[in-house]
Amino acid sequence: MFYLPSSCLPAREEAPPTPVSEEVLNLYGIDPLTLDPAVSGEMTSHEYIMQLFGGLVRLDDNLEPAPDIAQSWQVSDDGKTYTFYLREDVRFHDGRGVKAEDFKYSWERACDPETGSYTAATYLGDIVGVREVLAGESKEISGVRVIDDYTLQVTIDAPKSYFLSKLTYPTAFVVDRANADIGGEWWRTPNGTGP
């Protein structure tokens, strides 16, 4: 056996690698089942979806709700009405600006029985009118109002301190209507809001 301590070998000088881009897309080797935020229910898909799409709020480093597409929000005195003020600089990948109507559409699509979401009742079910949409009795969530292009008002059935945390789940993320209305596996060419 021959032993040569590594300290006796000449040092190699290597230049540090040059980054290709300042943005990093962290995706893993396992293929996701779907990239549709409304129907995603497992972690592999979530990892990809969270890189491609965004919601009103996200979890910060302390796992507390923080602004994402919503720059701020107000909660009514009774704790049942949330008014979200959207950032005006957020765009879908095709360049179209994200509007309050896009969130209304995305949530109604997630709750539509034809979409087949297993998670919409859990994460959006506190919103007034969601149960009627899930049951196929309505197409519109009565507790979601578009005030203007960048203001969305959401009414829930009772005060719940955890409501904002539920909106960090992919089911509450915004999708582009023109993209999702293609149908089928539209998510194979997603027009999201992420990096």
C-alpha atoms as a PDB file:
ATOM      1  CA  MET A   1       0.000   0.000   0.000  1.00  0.00           C
ATOM      2  CA  PHE A   2       1.303   3.407  -0.944  1.00  0.00           C
ATOM      3  CA  TYR A   3       0.250   6.464   1.058  1.00  0.00           C
ATOM      4  CA  LEU A   4       0.771  10.021  -0.147  1.00  0.00           C
ATOM      5  CA  PRO A   5      -0.571  12.747   2.103  1.00  0.00           C
ATOM      6  CA  SER A   6      -2.598  15.258   0.167  1.00  0.00           C
ATOM      7  CA  SER A   7      -0.668  18.109   1.752  1.00  0.00           C
ATOM      8  CA  CYS A   8       2.361  17.038  -0.330  1.00  0.00           C
ATOM      9  CA  LEU A   9       0.524  17.396  -3.614  1.00  0.00           C
ATOM     10  CA  PRO A  10       0.822  20.698  -5.461  1.00  0.00           C
ATOM     11  CA  ALA A  11      -2.182  22.972  -4.976  1.00  0.00           C
ATOM     12  CA  ARG A  12      -4.407  23.440  -7.987  1.00  0.00           C
ATOM     13  CA  GLU A  13      -5.485  26.954  -8.713  1.00  0.00           C
ATOM     14  CA  GLU A  14      -8.958  27.149 -10.150  1.00  0.00           C
ATOM     15  CA  ALA A  15     -10.890  30.238 -11.020  1.00  0.00           C
ATOM     16  CA  PRO A  16     -14.225  30.486  -9.243  1.00  0.00           C
ATOM     17  CA  PRO A  17     -17.158  29.609 -11.481  1.00  0.00           C
ATOM     18  CA  THR A  18     -18.933  32.492 -13.135  1.00  0.00           C
ATOM     19  CA  PRO A  19     -22.697  32.526 -12.578  1.00  0.00           C
ATOM     20  CA  VAL A  20     -24.757  32.251 -15.747  1.00  0.00           C
ATOM     21  CA  SER A  21     -27.564  34.298 -14.246  1.00  0.00           C
ATOM     22  CA  GLU A  22     -28.397  36.012 -10.994  1.00  0.00           C
ATOM     23  CA  GLU A  23     -31.720  34.144 -10.855  1.00  0.00           C
ATOM     24  CA  VAL A  24     -31.803  30.544  -9.685  1.00  0.00           C
ATOM     25  CA  LEU A  25     -34.516  28.040 -10.518  1.00  0.00           C
ATOM     26  CA  ASN A  26     -34.219  25.216  -7.985  1.00  0.00           C
ATOM     27  CA  LEU A  27     -35.853  22.171  -9.519  1.00  0.00           C
ATOM     28  CA  TYR A  28     -35.189  18.547  -8.672  1.00  0.00           C
ATOM     29  CA  GLY A  29     -34.826  15.315 -10.615  1.00  0.00           C
ATOM     30  CA  ILE A  30     -38.246  13.782  -9.925  1.00  0.00           C
ATOM     31  CA  ASP A  31     -40.971  14.682 -12.392  1.00  0.00           C
ATOM     32  CA  PRO A  32     -44.006  16.382 -10.855  1.00  0.00           C
ATOM     33  CA  LEU A  33     -47.456  14.871 -11.279  1.00  0.00           C
ATOM     34  CA  THR A  34     -48.838  18.281 -12.261  1.00  0.00           C
ATOM     35  CA  LEU A  35     -47.889  21.945 -12.404  1.00  0.00           C
ATOM     36  CA  ASP A  36     -51.500  23.063 -11.928  1.00  0.00           C
ATOM     37  CA  PRO A  37     -51.681  24.865  -8.561  1.00  0.00           C
ATOM     38  CA  ALA A  38     -55.394  24.049  -8.222  1.00  0.00           C
ATOM     39  CA  VAL A  39     -54.921  20.279  -8.267  1.00  0.00           C
ATOM     40  CA  SER A  40     -51.448  19.834  -6.822  1.00  0.00           C
ATOM     41  CA  GLY A  41     -51.532  17.770  -3.675  1.00  0.00           C
ATOM     42  CA  GLU A  42     -48.034  16.393  -3.203  1.00  0.00           C
ATOM     43  CA  MET A  43     -44.654  17.867  -2.378  1.00  0.00           C
ATOM     44  CA  THR A  44     -42.807  17.218  -5.646  1.00  0.00           C
ATOM     45  CA  SER A  45     -45.380  19.188  -7.628  1.00  0.00           C
ATOM     46  CA  HIS A  46     -45.412  21.905  -4.946  1.00  0.00           C
ATOM     47  CA  GLU A  47     -41.649  22.379  -5.255  1.00  0.00           C
ATOM     48  CA  TYR A  48     -41.996  23.128  -8.963  1.00  0.00           C
ATOM     49  CA  ILE A  49     -45.216  25.153  -8.648  1.00  0.00           C
ATOM     50  CA  MET A  50     -43.716  27.410  -5.999  1.00  0.00           C
ATOM     51  CA  GLN A  51     -40.951  28.298  -8.479  1.00  0.00           C
ATOM     52  CA  LEU A  52     -43.413  29.056 -11.296  1.00  0.00           C
ATOM     53  CA  PHE A  53     -46.433  30.676  -9.636  1.00  0.00           C
ATOM     54  CA  GLY A  54     -47.175  33.058  -6.778  1.00  0.00           C
ATOM     55  CA  GLY A  55     -49.969  34.013  -4.436  1.00  0.00           C
ATOM     56  CA  LEU A  56     -51.161  37.025  -2.509  1.00  0.00           C
ATOM     57  CA  VAL A  57     -48.941  36.044   0.412  1.00  0.00           C
ATOM     58  CA  ARG A  58     -46.012  33.717   1.074  1.00  0.00           C
ATOM     59  CA  LEU A  59     -44.314  32.374   4.179  1.00  0.00           C
ATOM     60  CA  ASP A  60     -41.273  34.321   5.356  1.00  0.00           C
ATOM     61  CA  ASP A  61     -38.177  32.831   7.009  1.00  0.00           C
ATOM     62  CA  ASN A  62     -40.072  32.602  10.316  1.00  0.00           C
ATOM     63  CA  LEU A  63     -43.011  30.831   8.625  1.00  0.00           C
ATOM     64  CA  GLU A  64     -45.238  33.881   9.030  1.00  0.00           C
ATOM     65  CA  PRO A  65     -47.446  35.225   6.194  1.00  0.00           C
ATOM     66  CA  ALA A  66     -45.640  37.985   4.290  1.00  0.00           C
ATOM     67  CA  PRO A  67     -46.472  40.037   1.185  1.00  0.00           C
ATOM     68  CA  ASP A  68     -45.973  38.392  -2.193  1.00  0.00           C
ATOM     69  CA  ILE A  69     -48.197  39.625  -5.032  1.00  0.00           C
ATOM     70  CA  ALA A  70     -50.202  41.578  -2.465  1.00  0.00           C
ATOM     71  CA  GLN A  71     -48.036  44.426  -1.220  1.00  0.00           C
ATOM     72  CA  SER A  72     -50.292  44.922   1.798  1.00  0.00           C
ATOM     73  CA  TRP A  73     -53.712  44.128   3.244  1.00  0.00           C
ATOM     74  CA  GLN A  74     -56.206  45.324   5.798  1.00  0.00           C
ATOM     75  CA  VAL A  75     -58.459  43.233   8.016  1.00  0.00           C
ATOM     76  CA  SER A  76     -61.864  44.531   9.094  1.00  0.00           C
ATOM     77  CA  ASP A  77     -62.598  45.087  12.784  1.00  0.00           C
ATOM     78  CA  ASP A  78     -64.731  41.934  12.899  1.00  0.00           C
ATOM     79  CA  GLY A  79     -61.853  39.886  11.396  1.00  0.00           C
ATOM     80  CA  LYS A  80     -63.970  38.597   8.509  1.00  0.00           C
ATOM     81  CA  THR A  81     -63.070  40.864   5.579  1.00  0.00           C
ATOM     82  CA  TYR A  82     -59.586  41.092   4.087  1.00  0.00           C
ATOM     83  CA  THR A  83     -58.754  43.784   1.551  1.00  0.00           C
ATOM     84  CA  PHE A  84     -55.619  43.008  -0.458  1.00  0.00           C
ATOM     85  CA  TYR A  85     -53.687  45.664  -2.382  1.00  0.00           C
ATOM     86  CA  LEU A  86     -51.777  44.082  -5.256  1.00  0.00           C
ATOM     87  CA  ARG A  87     -48.377  45.166  -6.507  1.00  0.00           C
ATOM     88  CA  GLU A  88     -48.628  46.803  -9.912  1.00  0.00           C
ATOM     89  CA  ASP A  89     -45.233  45.519 -11.094  1.00  0.00           C
ATOM     90  CA  VAL A  90     -46.079  41.789 -11.098  1.00  0.00           C
ATOM     91  CA  ARG A  91     -46.410  40.209 -14.527  1.00  0.00           C
ATOM     92  CA  PHE A  92     -47.128  36.821 -15.987  1.00  0.00           C
ATOM     93  CA  HIS A  93     -44.247  35.381 -18.021  1.00  0.00           C
ATOM     94  CA  ASP A  94     -45.850  36.679 -21.235  1.00  0.00           C
ATOM     95  CA  GLY A  95     -45.667  40.253 -19.898  1.00  0.00           C
ATOM     96  CA  ARG A  96     -49.336  40.776 -19.015  1.00  0.00           C
ATOM     97  CA  GLY A  97     -49.870  42.409 -15.633  1.00  0.00           C
ATOM     98  CA  VAL A  98     -51.491  40.406 -12.819  1.00  0.00           C
ATOM     99  CA  LYS A  99     -54.828  41.887 -11.748  1.00  0.00           C
ATOM    100  CA  ALA A 100     -57.313  41.232  -8.937  1.00  0.00           C
ATOM    101  CA  GLU A 101     -59.647  39.572 -11.465  1.00  0.00           C
ATOM    102  CA  ASP A 102     -56.936  36.950 -12.093  1.00  0.00           C
ATOM    103  CA  PHE A 103     -57.116  35.858  -8.451  1.00  0.00           C
ATOM    104  CA  LYS A 104     -60.919  35.720  -8.529  1.00  0.00           C
ATOM    105  CA  TYR A 105     -60.773  33.559 -11.664  1.00  0.00           C
ATOM    106  CA  SER A 106     -58.031  31.313 -10.228  1.00  0.00           C
ATOM    107  CA  TRP A 107     -59.913  30.617  -7.009  1.00  0.00           C
ATOM    108  CA  GLU A 108     -63.226  30.011  -8.780  1.00  0.00           C
ATOM    109  CA  ARG A 109     -61.454  27.664 -11.178  1.00  0.00           C
ATOM    110  CA  ALA A 110     -59.845  25.800  -8.251  1.00  0.00           C
ATOM    111  CA  CYS A 111     -63.277  25.370  -6.618  1.00  0.00           C
ATOM    112  CA  ASP A 112     -65.081  24.339  -9.814  1.00  0.00           C
ATOM    113  CA  PRO A 113     -65.969  20.631  -9.516  1.00  0.00           C
ATOM    114  CA  GLU A 114     -64.762  20.101 -13.107  1.00  0.00           C
ATOM    115  CA  THR A 115     -61.225  21.088 -12.068  1.00  0.00           C
ATOM    116  CA  GLY A 116     -61.090  18.203  -9.603  1.00  0.00           C
ATOM    117  CA  SER A 117     -59.133  19.893  -6.818  1.00  0.00           C
ATOM    118  CA  TYR A 118     -58.717  17.815  -3.675  1.00  0.00           C
ATOM    119  CA  THR A 119     -57.372  20.797  -1.735  1.00  0.00           C
ATOM    120  CA  ALA A 120     -59.686  23.727  -2.587  1.00  0.00           C
ATOM    121  CA  ALA A 121     -62.149  22.948   0.224  1.00  0.00           C
ATOM    122  CA  THR A 122     -59.338  22.838   2.777  1.00  0.00           C
ATOM    123  CA  TYR A 123     -57.456  25.967   1.752  1.00  0.00           C
ATOM    124  CA  LEU A 124     -60.216  28.163   0.281  1.00  0.00           C
ATOM    125  CA  GLY A 125     -63.229  26.765   2.159  1.00  0.00           C
ATOM    126  CA  ASP A 126     -63.308  29.578   4.744  1.00  0.00           C
ATOM    127  CA  ILE A 127     -64.263  32.074   2.022  1.00  0.00           C
ATOM    128  CA  VAL A 128     -67.980  32.859   1.837  1.00  0.00           C
ATOM    129  CA  GLY A 129     -69.497  31.178  -1.229  1.00  0.00           C
ATOM    130  CA  VAL A 130     -66.770  28.575  -1.780  1.00  0.00           C
ATOM    131  CA  ARG A 131     -68.947  25.710  -0.564  1.00  0.00           C
ATOM    132  CA  GLU A 132     -71.623  26.596  -3.138  1.00  0.00           C
ATOM    133  CA  VAL A 133     -69.068  26.566  -5.964  1.00  0.00           C
ATOM    134  CA  LEU A 134     -67.588  23.266  -4.755  1.00  0.00           C
ATOM    135  CA  ALA A 135     -71.107  21.777  -4.728  1.00  0.00           C
ATOM    136  CA  GLY A 136     -71.748  22.982  -8.289  1.00  0.00           C
ATOM    137  CA  GLU A 137     -74.522  25.326  -7.120  1.00  0.00           C
ATOM    138  CA  SER A 138     -72.721  28.486  -8.270  1.00  0.00           C
ATOM    139  CA  LYS A 139     -69.893  29.458 -10.606  1.00  0.00           C
ATOM    140  CA  GLU A 140     -68.964  32.558  -8.617  1.00  0.00           C
ATOM    141  CA  ILE A 141     -67.494  32.841  -5.109  1.00  0.00           C
ATOM    142  CA  SER A 142     -69.744  35.438  -3.472  1.00  0.00           C
ATOM    143  CA  GLY A 143     -67.137  36.336  -0.847  1.00  0.00           C
ATOM    144  CA  VAL A 144     -64.555  37.482  -3.411  1.00  0.00           C
ATOM    145  CA  ARG A 145     -64.998  40.990  -4.825  1.00  0.00           C
ATOM    146  CA  VAL A 146     -62.798  42.790  -7.315  1.00  0.00           C
ATOM    147  CA  ILE A 147     -62.772  46.428  -6.172  1.00  0.00           C
ATOM    148  CA  ASP A 148     -60.451  47.596  -8.954  1.00  0.00           C
ATOM    149  CA  ASP A 149     -57.517  46.191 -10.962  1.00  0.00           C
ATOM    150  CA  TYR A 150     -55.259  46.067  -7.915  1.00  0.00           C
ATOM    151  CA  THR A 151     -57.679  45.648  -4.999  1.00  0.00           C
ATOM    152  CA  LEU A 152     -59.287  42.352  -4.000  1.00  0.00           C
ATOM    153  CA  GLN A 153     -61.722  41.990  -1.115  1.00  0.00           C
ATOM    154  CA  VAL A 154     -62.257  38.587   0.496  1.00  0.00           C
ATOM    155  CA  THR A 155     -64.904  37.786   3.109  1.00  0.00           C
ATOM    156  CA  ILE A 156     -64.578  34.672   5.257  1.00  0.00           C
ATOM    157  CA  ASP A 157     -67.276  32.937   7.293  1.00  0.00           C
ATOM    158  CA  ALA A 158     -65.767  33.702  10.725  1.00  0.00           C
ATOM    159  CA  PRO A 159     -62.625  35.361  12.095  1.00  0.00           C
ATOM    160  CA  LYS A 160     -59.677  32.972  11.724  1.00  0.00           C
ATOM    161  CA  SER A 161     -56.144  33.926  12.686  1.00  0.00           C
ATOM    162  CA  TYR A 162     -54.727  31.281  10.331  1.00  0.00           C
ATOM    163  CA  PHE A 163     -56.585  32.395   7.182  1.00  0.00           C
ATOM    164  CA  LEU A 164     -53.579  34.173   5.637  1.00  0.00           C
ATOM    165  CA  SER A 165     -51.450  31.062   6.159  1.00  0.00           C
ATOM    166  CA  LYS A 166     -53.926  29.032   4.107  1.00  0.00           C
ATOM    167  CA  LEU A 167     -53.405  31.441   1.198  1.00  0.00           C
ATOM    168  CA  THR A 168     -49.724  30.423   1.022  1.00  0.00           C
ATOM    169  CA  TYR A 169     -50.745  26.978  -0.279  1.00  0.00           C
ATOM    170  CA  PRO A 170     -50.525  26.512  -4.095  1.00  0.00           C
ATOM    171  CA  THR A 171     -54.319  26.146  -4.424  1.00  0.00           C
ATOM    172  CA  ALA A 172     -54.543  29.910  -3.757  1.00  0.00           C
ATOM    173  CA  PHE A 173     -51.907  30.850  -6.361  1.00  0.00           C
ATOM    174  CA  VAL A 174     -52.812  32.898  -9.411  1.00  0.00           C
ATOM    175  CA  VAL A 175     -52.946  31.368 -12.897  1.00  0.00           C
ATOM    176  CA  ASP A 176     -53.380  33.068 -16.252  1.00  0.00           C
ATOM    177  CA  ARG A 177     -56.919  32.477 -17.516  1.00  0.00           C
ATOM    178  CA  ALA A 178     -55.893  32.387 -21.193  1.00  0.00           C
ATOM    179  CA  ASN A 179     -53.305  29.743 -20.325  1.00  0.00           C
ATOM    180  CA  ALA A 180     -55.543  27.568 -18.102  1.00  0.00           C
ATOM    181  CA  ASP A 181     -58.550  27.816 -20.435  1.00  0.00           C
ATOM    182  CA  ILE A 182     -56.565  25.919 -23.070  1.00  0.00           C
ATOM    183  CA  GLY A 183     -57.575  22.877 -21.040  1.00  0.00           C
ATOM    184  CA  GLY A 184     -55.951  19.481 -20.897  1.00  0.00           C
ATOM    185  CA  GLU A 185     -52.391  19.623 -19.663  1.00  0.00           C
ATOM    186  CA  TRP A 186     -52.097  23.413 -20.150  1.00  0.00           C
ATOM    187  CA  TRP A 187     -49.576  23.458 -17.321  1.00  0.00           C
ATOM    188  CA  ARG A 188     -46.932  21.852 -19.536  1.00  0.00           C
ATOM    189  CA  THR A 189     -46.355  25.377 -20.901  1.00  0.00           C
ATOM    190  CA  PRO A 190     -47.228  27.483 -17.836  1.00  0.00           C
ATOM    191  CA  ASN A 191     -47.556  31.257 -17.971  1.00  0.00           C
ATOM    192  CA  GLY A 192     -46.788  31.849 -14.318  1.00  0.00           C
ATOM    193  CA  THR A 193     -45.513  34.736 -12.230  1.00  0.00           C
ATOM    194  CA  GLY A 194     -42.374  33.177 -10.725  1.00  0.00           C
ATOM    195  CA  PRO A 195     -38.750  33.657 -11.682  1.00  0.00           C
END
